[in-house]
Amino acid sequence: MDPLTDVLALLDLRSAQFARLEAQEPWAVGFSGYRHIKFGAVLEGSCRIAVAGLPAPVVLGEGDCYLIGSGRAYELSGGPVMPAVPSARIFADYTEGATVRIGAARDAVVVGCGFDLDEANAAVLVDVLPPLVHVGAGSGAAGAIRAALELLRAETGAPGLGTPFVTERLSQVLLVHLLRAHVAQRGAAGGVWLTALADRQIGAALALMHDTPAHRWTVAGLAAKVGMSRSQFAARFTESVGLPPLEYLASWRIRSAARELRTTDRTVWAIASRWGYGSESSFSHAFKRVMGASPGRYRAGETSQDATGQK
């Protein structure tokens, strides 16, 4: 399994209620921060997006998409600058599948939804995203994104049987394409595992770790597999991913084991051995360092999540 697919499976990705907004200029809507990731796309016209903490708004054109992470508040607007109306007021009477309209004309059509992630592991993805991921209609991923957006336009413009199911799946497809586009735009210099996938050799090492995480990997063994010297590999991996190779691997093993603790009735020892640990005590020690609680307490729901585990 490739690392991105592996991470998305770990995060138990779910999209929240989908919404469609049609607006006449001038308009401005303020959105409070979403706890995990917010996705949006401009289906028609154009608008501006201003994200808290960023120095200036970004203009979004037809076919542009965006992701906002880390719970940042943001505003969407069009036309002359005006005070933003809180989204809670604009969407107060919203029902799933409906279109919310501001004004009688249609200068911009924007769709969006939130993505909810497994709370214990959300940081694995949320913490590696910048405040705003903007993928323009002219990007390298434009073809696939345009096709999905056309389907979204049809589903949200004329809802029918199964529309919520379709929009949820389309939003997940778009998320993957946006993450791919972000990796292509940023290259391997981002200092986190996601952008490190753009580096052919470091990406290959990550794929090896995710494909056989319980294998007794060594830095030398991974370096040999991807055709690098041990020292060169260790330095480049740490620079690209933000963690040394074996520290990344240990964190990934523990987070994967944690999901099994919550979703299965396997014994702690069975899970520990499945993820490459030779004893329950060594597993428990590593588990507490990453997840902030012992395996038993974590399974019982007594956790003080330590989000420092994996970039």
C-alpha atoms as a PDB file:
ATOM      1  CA  MET A   1       0.000   0.000   0.000  1.00  0.00           C
ATOM      2  CA  ASP A   2       1.401   3.433  -0.871  1.00  0.00           C
ATOM      3  CA  PRO A   3       1.985   5.832   2.053  1.00  0.00           C
ATOM      4  CA  LEU A   4      -0.829   8.270   1.201  1.00  0.00           C
ATOM      5  CA  THR A   5      -3.413   5.493   0.877  1.00  0.00           C
ATOM      6  CA  ASP A   6      -2.099   4.008   4.113  1.00  0.00           C
ATOM      7  CA  VAL A   7      -2.460   7.308   5.975  1.00  0.00           C
ATOM      8  CA  LEU A   8      -5.962   7.983   4.642  1.00  0.00           C
ATOM      9  CA  ALA A   9      -7.032   4.486   5.739  1.00  0.00           C
ATOM     10  CA  LEU A  10      -5.564   5.090   9.204  1.00  0.00           C
ATOM     11  CA  LEU A  11      -7.427   8.411   9.481  1.00  0.00           C
ATOM     12  CA  ASP A  12     -10.834   6.862   8.760  1.00  0.00           C
ATOM     13  CA  LEU A  13     -11.608   9.789   6.449  1.00  0.00           C
ATOM     14  CA  ARG A  14     -15.206  11.019   6.516  1.00  0.00           C
ATOM     15  CA  SER A  15     -16.642  14.054   4.782  1.00  0.00           C
ATOM     16  CA  ALA A  16     -19.159  16.186   6.650  1.00  0.00           C
ATOM     17  CA  GLN A  17     -22.246  17.837   5.178  1.00  0.00           C
ATOM     18  CA  PHE A  18     -21.722  19.192   1.675  1.00  0.00           C
ATOM     19  CA  ALA A  19     -22.961  22.693   0.844  1.00  0.00           C
ATOM     20  CA  ARG A  20     -23.450  24.771  -2.318  1.00  0.00           C
ATOM     21  CA  LEU A  21     -23.426  28.569  -2.261  1.00  0.00           C
ATOM     22  CA  GLU A  22     -24.541  30.838  -5.119  1.00  0.00           C
ATOM     23  CA  ALA A  23     -23.733  34.499  -4.566  1.00  0.00           C
ATOM     24  CA  GLN A  24     -24.311  37.860  -6.206  1.00  0.00           C
ATOM     25  CA  GLU A  25     -21.710  40.595  -5.764  1.00  0.00           C
ATOM     26  CA  PRO A  26     -20.973  42.203  -3.426  1.00  0.00           C
ATOM     27  CA  TRP A  27     -20.919  39.422  -0.862  1.00  0.00           C
ATOM     28  CA  ALA A  28     -18.729  38.171   1.989  1.00  0.00           C
ATOM     29  CA  VAL A  29     -19.150  35.202   4.307  1.00  0.00           C
ATOM     30  CA  GLY A  30     -16.979  34.446   7.343  1.00  0.00           C
ATOM     31  CA  PHE A  31     -16.376  30.825   8.352  1.00  0.00           C
ATOM     32  CA  SER A  32     -15.107  29.679  11.728  1.00  0.00           C
ATOM     33  CA  GLY A  33     -12.242  27.214  11.751  1.00  0.00           C
ATOM     34  CA  TYR A  34     -13.066  23.592  11.007  1.00  0.00           C
ATOM     35  CA  ARG A  35     -11.372  21.196  13.401  1.00  0.00           C
ATOM     36  CA  HIS A  36      -9.660  19.095  10.755  1.00  0.00           C
ATOM     37  CA  ILE A  37      -9.718  19.925   7.021  1.00  0.00           C
ATOM     38  CA  LYS A  38     -12.062  22.104   4.985  1.00  0.00           C
ATOM     39  CA  PHE A  39     -12.383  21.572   1.216  1.00  0.00           C
ATOM     40  CA  GLY A  40     -13.859  23.991  -1.278  1.00  0.00           C
ATOM     41  CA  ALA A  41     -14.096  24.539  -5.043  1.00  0.00           C
ATOM     42  CA  VAL A  42     -15.306  27.321  -7.323  1.00  0.00           C
ATOM     43  CA  LEU A  43     -17.691  25.862  -9.893  1.00  0.00           C
ATOM     44  CA  GLU A  44     -18.572  29.153 -11.593  1.00  0.00           C
ATOM     45  CA  GLY A  45     -17.259  32.710 -11.561  1.00  0.00           C
ATOM     46  CA  SER A  46     -14.594  33.813  -9.106  1.00  0.00           C
ATOM     47  CA  CYS A  47     -14.151  34.948  -5.511  1.00  0.00           C
ATOM     48  CA  ARG A  48     -11.518  35.764  -2.914  1.00  0.00           C
ATOM     49  CA  ILE A  49     -10.432  33.669   0.032  1.00  0.00           C
ATOM     50  CA  ALA A  50      -8.770  35.242   3.076  1.00  0.00           C
ATOM     51  CA  VAL A  51      -7.359  32.799   5.625  1.00  0.00           C
ATOM     52  CA  ALA A  52      -6.541  33.848   9.180  1.00  0.00           C
ATOM     53  CA  GLY A  53      -2.812  34.344   9.594  1.00  0.00           C
ATOM     54  CA  LEU A  54      -2.038  34.797   5.895  1.00  0.00           C
ATOM     55  CA  PRO A  55      -0.980  38.266   4.756  1.00  0.00           C
ATOM     56  CA  ALA A  56      -3.400  38.757   1.848  1.00  0.00           C
ATOM     57  CA  PRO A  57      -6.476  37.224   0.208  1.00  0.00           C
ATOM     58  CA  VAL A  58      -6.069  34.824  -2.717  1.00  0.00           C
ATOM     59  CA  VAL A  59      -8.210  35.119  -5.840  1.00  0.00           C
ATOM     60  CA  LEU A  60      -9.961  31.878  -6.789  1.00  0.00           C
ATOM     61  CA  GLY A  61     -11.091  31.366 -10.369  1.00  0.00           C
ATOM     62  CA  GLU A  62     -13.511  28.907 -11.914  1.00  0.00           C
ATOM     63  CA  GLY A  63     -12.199  25.381 -11.427  1.00  0.00           C
ATOM     64  CA  ASP A  64      -9.881  26.332  -8.539  1.00  0.00           C
ATOM     65  CA  CYS A  65      -9.938  24.214  -5.369  1.00  0.00           C
ATOM     66  CA  TYR A  66      -8.622  24.774  -1.873  1.00  0.00           C
ATOM     67  CA  LEU A  67      -7.931  23.008   1.417  1.00  0.00           C
ATOM     68  CA  ILE A  68      -7.736  24.717   4.805  1.00  0.00           C
ATOM     69  CA  GLY A  69      -6.343  22.909   7.817  1.00  0.00           C
ATOM     70  CA  SER A  70      -5.421  23.533  11.431  1.00  0.00           C
ATOM     71  CA  GLY A  71      -8.822  24.979  12.350  1.00  0.00           C
ATOM     72  CA  ARG A  72      -8.156  28.357  10.740  1.00  0.00           C
ATOM     73  CA  ALA A  73     -11.018  30.782  10.226  1.00  0.00           C
ATOM     74  CA  TYR A  74     -11.454  32.186   6.732  1.00  0.00           C
ATOM     75  CA  GLU A  75     -13.644  34.427   4.573  1.00  0.00           C
ATOM     76  CA  LEU A  76     -15.004  34.022   1.065  1.00  0.00           C
ATOM     77  CA  SER A  77     -16.056  37.158  -0.792  1.00  0.00           C
ATOM     78  CA  GLY A  78     -16.737  38.698  -4.166  1.00  0.00           C
ATOM     79  CA  GLY A  79     -16.996  42.230  -5.542  1.00  0.00           C
ATOM     80  CA  PRO A  80     -16.242  45.373  -3.493  1.00  0.00           C
ATOM     81  CA  VAL A  81     -14.922  44.736   0.015  1.00  0.00           C
ATOM     82  CA  MET A  82     -17.635  44.595   2.664  1.00  0.00           C
ATOM     83  CA  PRO A  83     -18.039  43.222   6.218  1.00  0.00           C
ATOM     84  CA  ALA A  84     -18.407  39.449   6.264  1.00  0.00           C
ATOM     85  CA  VAL A  85     -21.665  37.862   7.412  1.00  0.00           C
ATOM     86  CA  PRO A  86     -21.090  34.860   9.717  1.00  0.00           C
ATOM     87  CA  SER A  87     -21.691  31.562   7.948  1.00  0.00           C
ATOM     88  CA  ALA A  88     -23.914  30.419  10.823  1.00  0.00           C
ATOM     89  CA  ARG A  89     -26.385  33.092   9.795  1.00  0.00           C
ATOM     90  CA  ILE A  90     -26.151  32.406   6.047  1.00  0.00           C
ATOM     91  CA  PHE A  91     -26.564  28.645   6.505  1.00  0.00           C
ATOM     92  CA  ALA A  92     -28.995  28.804   9.457  1.00  0.00           C
ATOM     93  CA  ASP A  93     -31.819  27.077   7.576  1.00  0.00           C
ATOM     94  CA  TYR A  94     -29.642  24.874   5.378  1.00  0.00           C
ATOM     95  CA  THR A  95     -30.827  21.355   4.641  1.00  0.00           C
ATOM     96  CA  GLU A  96     -28.692  18.720   2.958  1.00  0.00           C
ATOM     97  CA  GLY A  97     -28.836  18.934  -0.813  1.00  0.00           C
ATOM     98  CA  ALA A  98     -30.177  22.504  -0.868  1.00  0.00           C
ATOM     99  CA  THR A  99     -28.485  25.543  -2.431  1.00  0.00           C
ATOM    100  CA  VAL A 100     -27.917  28.656  -0.326  1.00  0.00           C
ATOM    101  CA  ARG A 101     -28.294  31.896  -2.296  1.00  0.00           C
ATOM    102  CA  ILE A 102     -27.059  35.410  -1.608  1.00  0.00           C
ATOM    103  CA  GLY A 103     -28.842  37.805  -3.952  1.00  0.00           C
ATOM    104  CA  ALA A 104     -30.829  37.048  -7.096  1.00  0.00           C
ATOM    105  CA  ALA A 105     -27.983  36.756  -9.629  1.00  0.00           C
ATOM    106  CA  ARG A 106     -25.185  34.181  -9.744  1.00  0.00           C
ATOM    107  CA  ASP A 107     -21.722  35.749  -9.907  1.00  0.00           C
ATOM    108  CA  ALA A 108     -20.049  32.847  -8.136  1.00  0.00           C
ATOM    109  CA  VAL A 109     -20.904  29.258  -7.257  1.00  0.00           C
ATOM    110  CA  VAL A 110     -18.810  27.667  -4.511  1.00  0.00           C
ATOM    111  CA  VAL A 111     -19.161  24.191  -3.015  1.00  0.00           C
ATOM    112  CA  GLY A 112     -17.474  22.889   0.106  1.00  0.00           C
ATOM    113  CA  CYS A 113     -17.415  20.370   2.901  1.00  0.00           C
ATOM    114  CA  GLY A 114     -15.386  19.478   5.952  1.00  0.00           C
ATOM    115  CA  PHE A 115     -13.345  16.316   6.372  1.00  0.00           C
ATOM    116  CA  ASP A 116     -13.450  14.616   9.749  1.00  0.00           C
ATOM    117  CA  LEU A 117     -10.495  12.436  10.692  1.00  0.00           C
ATOM    118  CA  ASP A 118      -9.759   9.959  13.435  1.00  0.00           C
ATOM    119  CA  GLU A 119      -9.113  12.285  16.364  1.00  0.00           C
ATOM    120  CA  ALA A 120      -6.142  10.400  17.771  1.00  0.00           C
ATOM    121  CA  ASN A 121      -4.251  10.460  14.470  1.00  0.00           C
ATOM    122  CA  ALA A 122      -5.566  13.594  12.737  1.00  0.00           C
ATOM    123  CA  ALA A 123      -2.253  15.388  13.309  1.00  0.00           C
ATOM    124  CA  VAL A 124      -0.541  12.951  10.924  1.00  0.00           C
ATOM    125  CA  LEU A 125      -2.187  14.820   8.027  1.00  0.00           C
ATOM    126  CA  VAL A 126      -3.444  18.106   9.461  1.00  0.00           C
ATOM    127  CA  ASP A 127      -0.053  19.115  10.847  1.00  0.00           C
ATOM    128  CA  VAL A 128       1.731  18.644   7.509  1.00  0.00           C
ATOM    129  CA  LEU A 129      -0.591  20.917   5.521  1.00  0.00           C
ATOM    130  CA  PRO A 130       0.041  24.658   5.124  1.00  0.00           C
ATOM    131  CA  PRO A 131      -2.721  27.087   6.181  1.00  0.00           C
ATOM    132  CA  LEU A 132      -4.027  27.144   2.610  1.00  0.00           C
ATOM    133  CA  VAL A 133      -3.552  24.649  -0.223  1.00  0.00           C
ATOM    134  CA  HIS A 134      -4.646  26.356  -3.446  1.00  0.00           C
ATOM    135  CA  VAL A 135      -4.780  24.257  -6.603  1.00  0.00           C
ATOM    136  CA  GLY A 136      -5.555  26.315  -9.685  1.00  0.00           C
ATOM    137  CA  ALA A 137      -7.595  25.136 -12.666  1.00  0.00           C
ATOM    138  CA  GLY A 138      -4.429  25.263 -14.762  1.00  0.00           C
ATOM    139  CA  SER A 139      -2.383  22.957 -12.524  1.00  0.00           C
ATOM    140  CA  GLY A 140      -0.952  19.640 -13.624  1.00  0.00           C
ATOM    141  CA  ALA A 141      -3.841  17.863 -11.911  1.00  0.00           C
ATOM    142  CA  ALA A 142      -6.418  20.019 -13.693  1.00  0.00           C
ATOM    143  CA  GLY A 143      -7.797  17.297 -15.984  1.00  0.00           C
ATOM    144  CA  ALA A 144      -8.825  14.877 -13.261  1.00  0.00           C
ATOM    145  CA  ILE A 145     -10.020  17.682 -10.987  1.00  0.00           C
ATOM    146  CA  ARG A 146     -12.099  19.243 -13.761  1.00  0.00           C
ATOM    147  CA  ALA A 147     -13.862  15.932 -14.434  1.00  0.00           C
ATOM    148  CA  ALA A 148     -14.745  15.483 -10.758  1.00  0.00           C
ATOM    149  CA  LEU A 149     -15.894  19.102 -10.477  1.00  0.00           C
ATOM    150  CA  GLU A 150     -18.232  18.653 -13.447  1.00  0.00           C
ATOM    151  CA  LEU A 151     -19.859  15.745 -11.630  1.00  0.00           C
ATOM    152  CA  LEU A 152     -20.076  17.862  -8.472  1.00  0.00           C
ATOM    153  CA  ARG A 153     -21.682  20.666 -10.447  1.00  0.00           C
ATOM    154  CA  ALA A 154     -24.352  18.292 -11.754  1.00  0.00           C
ATOM    155  CA  GLU A 155     -25.021  16.621  -8.391  1.00  0.00           C
ATOM    156  CA  THR A 156     -25.263  19.831  -6.369  1.00  0.00           C
ATOM    157  CA  GLY A 157     -27.130  21.740  -9.075  1.00  0.00           C
ATOM    158  CA  ALA A 158     -29.887  19.152  -9.407  1.00  0.00           C
ATOM    159  CA  PRO A 159     -29.830  16.782  -6.402  1.00  0.00           C
ATOM    160  CA  GLY A 160     -31.357  13.358  -6.893  1.00  0.00           C
ATOM    161  CA  LEU A 161     -31.465   9.928  -5.334  1.00  0.00           C
ATOM    162  CA  GLY A 162     -28.159   9.144  -3.654  1.00  0.00           C
ATOM    163  CA  THR A 163     -26.709  12.647  -4.040  1.00  0.00           C
ATOM    164  CA  PRO A 164     -25.204  12.766  -0.507  1.00  0.00           C
ATOM    165  CA  PHE A 165     -23.428   9.462  -1.186  1.00  0.00           C
ATOM    166  CA  VAL A 166     -22.117  10.703  -4.545  1.00  0.00           C
ATOM    167  CA  THR A 167     -20.923  14.069  -3.224  1.00  0.00           C
ATOM    168  CA  GLU A 168     -19.125  12.413  -0.321  1.00  0.00           C
ATOM    169  CA  ARG A 169     -17.229  10.084  -2.649  1.00  0.00           C
ATOM    170  CA  LEU A 170     -16.439  12.875  -5.110  1.00  0.00           C
ATOM    171  CA  SER A 171     -15.102  15.079  -2.323  1.00  0.00           C
ATOM    172  CA  GLN A 172     -12.795  12.260  -1.210  1.00  0.00           C
ATOM    173  CA  VAL A 173     -11.558  11.774  -4.772  1.00  0.00           C
ATOM    174  CA  LEU A 174     -10.897  15.506  -5.015  1.00  0.00           C
ATOM    175  CA  LEU A 175      -9.029  15.488  -1.707  1.00  0.00           C
ATOM    176  CA  VAL A 176      -6.608  12.890  -3.047  1.00  0.00           C
ATOM    177  CA  HIS A 177      -6.072  14.871  -6.254  1.00  0.00           C
ATOM    178  CA  LEU A 178      -5.487  18.056  -4.260  1.00  0.00           C
ATOM    179  CA  LEU A 179      -2.940  16.323  -2.040  1.00  0.00           C
ATOM    180  CA  ARG A 180      -1.192  14.978  -5.140  1.00  0.00           C
ATOM    181  CA  ALA A 181      -1.162  18.452  -6.665  1.00  0.00           C
ATOM    182  CA  HIS A 182       0.198  19.932  -3.415  1.00  0.00           C
ATOM    183  CA  VAL A 183       3.065  17.421  -3.435  1.00  0.00           C
ATOM    184  CA  ALA A 184       3.806  18.270  -7.076  1.00  0.00           C
ATOM    185  CA  GLN A 185       3.736  22.015  -6.368  1.00  0.00           C
ATOM    186  CA  ARG A 186       5.856  21.963  -3.220  1.00  0.00           C
ATOM    187  CA  GLY A 187       8.311  19.271  -4.262  1.00  0.00           C
ATOM    188  CA  ALA A 188      10.372  17.406  -1.683  1.00  0.00           C
ATOM    189  CA  ALA A 189      11.512  20.489   0.218  1.00  0.00           C
ATOM    190  CA  GLY A 190       8.506  20.748   2.522  1.00  0.00           C
ATOM    191  CA  GLY A 191      10.142  18.997   5.466  1.00  0.00           C
ATOM    192  CA  VAL A 192       7.176  16.645   6.110  1.00  0.00           C
ATOM    193  CA  TRP A 193       6.331  13.104   5.045  1.00  0.00           C
ATOM    194  CA  LEU A 194       3.694  14.229   2.526  1.00  0.00           C
ATOM    195  CA  THR A 195       5.980  16.370   0.373  1.00  0.00           C
ATOM    196  CA  ALA A 196       8.834  13.896   0.856  1.00  0.00           C
ATOM    197  CA  LEU A 197       6.856  11.562  -1.407  1.00  0.00           C
ATOM    198  CA  ALA A 198       8.022  13.760  -4.304  1.00  0.00           C
ATOM    199  CA  ASP A 199      11.616  12.613  -3.705  1.00  0.00           C
ATOM    200  CA  ARG A 200      12.077   9.396  -5.698  1.00  0.00           C
ATOM    201  CA  GLN A 201      14.416   7.700  -3.244  1.00  0.00           C
ATOM    202  CA  ILE A 202      12.920   8.976   0.007  1.00  0.00           C
ATOM    203  CA  GLY A 203       9.435   8.260  -1.342  1.00  0.00           C
ATOM    204  CA  ALA A 204      10.552   4.713  -2.115  1.00  0.00           C
ATOM    205  CA  ALA A 205      11.862   4.306   1.431  1.00  0.00           C
ATOM    206  CA  LEU A 206       8.558   5.527   2.850  1.00  0.00           C
ATOM    207  CA  ALA A 207       6.734   3.048   0.625  1.00  0.00           C
ATOM    208  CA  LEU A 208       8.924   0.211   1.935  1.00  0.00           C
ATOM    209  CA  MET A 209       8.169   1.167   5.546  1.00  0.00           C
ATOM    210  CA  HIS A 210       4.448   1.317   4.895  1.00  0.00           C
ATOM    211  CA  ASP A 211       4.411  -1.886   2.854  1.00  0.00           C
ATOM    212  CA  THR A 212       6.185  -3.985   5.510  1.00  0.00           C
ATOM    213  CA  PRO A 213       6.184  -1.953   8.746  1.00  0.00           C
ATOM    214  CA  ALA A 214       6.876  -4.948  10.992  1.00  0.00           C
ATOM    215  CA  HIS A 215      10.096  -5.783   9.141  1.00  0.00           C
ATOM    216  CA  ARG A 216      13.230  -5.190  11.205  1.00  0.00           C
ATOM    217  CA  TRP A 217      14.346  -2.245   9.114  1.00  0.00           C
ATOM    218  CA  THR A 218      17.691  -0.612   9.711  1.00  0.00           C
ATOM    219  CA  VAL A 219      18.905   2.690   8.309  1.00  0.00           C
ATOM    220  CA  ALA A 220      21.581   0.824   6.365  1.00  0.00           C
ATOM    221  CA  GLY A 221      19.030  -1.645   4.992  1.00  0.00           C
ATOM    222  CA  LEU A 222      16.660   1.082   3.821  1.00  0.00           C
ATOM    223  CA  ALA A 223      19.538   3.050   2.294  1.00  0.00           C
ATOM    224  CA  ALA A 224      20.694   0.015   0.330  1.00  0.00           C
ATOM    225  CA  LYS A 225      17.173  -0.637  -0.959  1.00  0.00           C
ATOM    226  CA  VAL A 226      16.908   2.871  -2.427  1.00  0.00           C
ATOM    227  CA  GLY A 227      20.482   3.061  -3.716  1.00  0.00           C
ATOM    228  CA  MET A 228      21.988   5.528  -1.260  1.00  0.00           C
ATOM    229  CA  SER A 229      24.777   5.478   1.286  1.00  0.00           C
ATOM    230  CA  ARG A 230      23.711   5.174   4.904  1.00  0.00           C
ATOM    231  CA  SER A 231      24.818   8.661   5.888  1.00  0.00           C
ATOM    232  CA  GLN A 232      23.389  10.315   2.781  1.00  0.00           C
ATOM    233  CA  PHE A 233      20.059   8.543   3.245  1.00  0.00           C
ATOM    234  CA  ALA A 234      19.780   9.359   6.958  1.00  0.00           C
ATOM    235  CA  ALA A 235      20.508  13.045   6.368  1.00  0.00           C
ATOM    236  CA  ARG A 236      18.169  13.440   3.386  1.00  0.00           C
ATOM    237  CA  PHE A 237      15.346  11.470   4.999  1.00  0.00           C
ATOM    238  CA  THR A 238      15.516  13.582   8.151  1.00  0.00           C
ATOM    239  CA  GLU A 239      15.606  16.796   6.147  1.00  0.00           C
ATOM    240  CA  SER A 240      12.743  15.743   3.845  1.00  0.00           C
ATOM    241  CA  VAL A 241      10.451  14.098   6.396  1.00  0.00           C
ATOM    242  CA  GLY A 242      11.307  16.042   9.538  1.00  0.00           C
ATOM    243  CA  LEU A 243      12.101  12.892  11.527  1.00  0.00           C
ATOM    244  CA  PRO A 244      14.945  10.334  11.402  1.00  0.00           C
ATOM    245  CA  PRO A 245      13.988   7.136   9.510  1.00  0.00           C
ATOM    246  CA  LEU A 246      13.540   4.780  12.445  1.00  0.00           C
ATOM    247  CA  GLU A 247      11.726   7.407  14.511  1.00  0.00           C
ATOM    248  CA  TYR A 248       9.235   7.868  11.662  1.00  0.00           C
ATOM    249  CA  LEU A 249       8.823   4.091  11.385  1.00  0.00           C
ATOM    250  CA  ALA A 250       8.281   3.675  15.122  1.00  0.00           C
ATOM    251  CA  SER A 251       5.634   6.399  15.147  1.00  0.00           C
ATOM    252  CA  TRP A 252       3.826   4.865  12.181  1.00  0.00           C
ATOM    253  CA  ARG A 253       3.856   1.398  13.778  1.00  0.00           C
ATOM    254  CA  ILE A 254       2.419   2.747  17.023  1.00  0.00           C
ATOM    255  CA  ARG A 255      -0.329   4.795  15.370  1.00  0.00           C
ATOM    256  CA  SER A 256      -1.346   1.782  13.296  1.00  0.00           C
ATOM    257  CA  ALA A 257      -1.306  -0.423  16.399  1.00  0.00           C
ATOM    258  CA  ALA A 258      -3.405   2.165  18.234  1.00  0.00           C
ATOM    259  CA  ARG A 259      -6.119   1.895  15.603  1.00  0.00           C
ATOM    260  CA  GLU A 260      -6.176  -1.885  16.092  1.00  0.00           C
ATOM    261  CA  LEU A 261      -6.492  -1.427  19.838  1.00  0.00           C
ATOM    262  CA  ARG A 262      -9.623   0.666  19.312  1.00  0.00           C
ATOM    263  CA  THR A 263     -11.210  -1.356  16.529  1.00  0.00           C
ATOM    264  CA  THR A 264     -10.420  -5.003  17.372  1.00  0.00           C
ATOM    265  CA  ASP A 265     -10.417  -7.300  20.390  1.00  0.00           C
ATOM    266  CA  ARG A 266      -6.917  -8.644  19.730  1.00  0.00           C
ATOM    267  CA  THR A 267      -4.678  -8.869  22.769  1.00  0.00           C
ATOM    268  CA  VAL A 268      -2.021  -6.257  23.348  1.00  0.00           C
ATOM    269  CA  TRP A 269       0.680  -8.873  22.770  1.00  0.00           C
ATOM    270  CA  ALA A 270      -0.879 -10.005  19.472  1.00  0.00           C
ATOM    271  CA  ILE A 271      -0.962  -6.425  18.232  1.00  0.00           C
ATOM    272  CA  ALA A 272       2.553  -5.715  19.475  1.00  0.00           C
ATOM    273  CA  SER A 273       4.028  -8.715  17.661  1.00  0.00           C
ATOM    274  CA  ARG A 274       2.061  -7.921  14.497  1.00  0.00           C
ATOM    275  CA  TRP A 275       3.738  -4.513  14.362  1.00  0.00           C
ATOM    276  CA  GLY A 276       7.264  -5.773  14.935  1.00  0.00           C
ATOM    277  CA  TYR A 277       7.764  -5.570  18.704  1.00  0.00           C
ATOM    278  CA  GLY A 278       9.571  -8.399  20.438  1.00  0.00           C
ATOM    279  CA  SER A 279       7.976  -7.919  23.844  1.00  0.00           C
ATOM    280  CA  GLU A 280       4.865  -6.383  25.319  1.00  0.00           C
ATOM    281  CA  SER A 281       6.961  -4.155  27.581  1.00  0.00           C
ATOM    282  CA  SER A 282       8.946  -2.626  24.699  1.00  0.00           C
ATOM    283  CA  PHE A 283       5.690  -2.040  22.829  1.00  0.00           C
ATOM    284  CA  SER A 284       4.051  -0.435  25.871  1.00  0.00           C
ATOM    285  CA  HIS A 285       7.008   1.889  26.385  1.00  0.00           C
ATOM    286  CA  ALA A 286       6.994   3.007  22.734  1.00  0.00           C
ATOM    287  CA  PHE A 287       3.211   3.296  22.733  1.00  0.00           C
ATOM    288  CA  LYS A 288       3.096   5.610  25.719  1.00  0.00           C
ATOM    289  CA  ARG A 289       5.806   7.818  24.232  1.00  0.00           C
ATOM    290  CA  VAL A 290       3.797   8.375  21.030  1.00  0.00           C
ATOM    291  CA  MET A 291       0.168   8.195  22.187  1.00  0.00           C
ATOM    292  CA  GLY A 292       0.469   9.594  25.703  1.00  0.00           C
ATOM    293  CA  ALA A 293      -1.017   6.571  27.490  1.00  0.00           C
ATOM    294  CA  SER A 294      -0.327   2.887  27.989  1.00  0.00           C
ATOM    295  CA  PRO A 295      -2.024   0.477  25.523  1.00  0.00           C
ATOM    296  CA  GLY A 296      -4.481  -0.658  28.201  1.00  0.00           C
ATOM    297  CA  ARG A 297      -5.494   2.873  29.187  1.00  0.00           C
ATOM    298  CA  TYR A 298      -5.686   3.910  25.559  1.00  0.00           C
ATOM    299  CA  ARG A 299      -8.014   1.017  24.727  1.00  0.00           C
ATOM    300  CA  ALA A 300     -10.176   1.973  27.695  1.00  0.00           C
ATOM    301  CA  GLY A 301     -10.418   5.523  26.397  1.00  0.00           C
ATOM    302  CA  GLU A 302      -8.137   7.037  29.040  1.00  0.00           C
ATOM    303  CA  THR A 303      -5.746   8.929  26.781  1.00  0.00           C
ATOM    304  CA  SER A 304      -3.883  12.212  26.957  1.00  0.00           C
ATOM    305  CA  GLN A 305      -2.923  12.373  23.275  1.00  0.00           C
ATOM    306  CA  ASP A 306       0.593  13.604  22.637  1.00  0.00           C
ATOM    307  CA  ALA A 307       0.580  15.113  19.157  1.00  0.00           C
ATOM    308  CA  THR A 308       4.362  15.218  18.863  1.00  0.00           C
ATOM    309  CA  GLY A 309       4.651  11.778  17.327  1.00  0.00           C
ATOM    310  CA  GLN A 310       4.705  12.215  13.562  1.00  0.00           C
ATOM    311  CA  LYS A 311       5.085  15.122  11.206  1.00  0.00           C
END
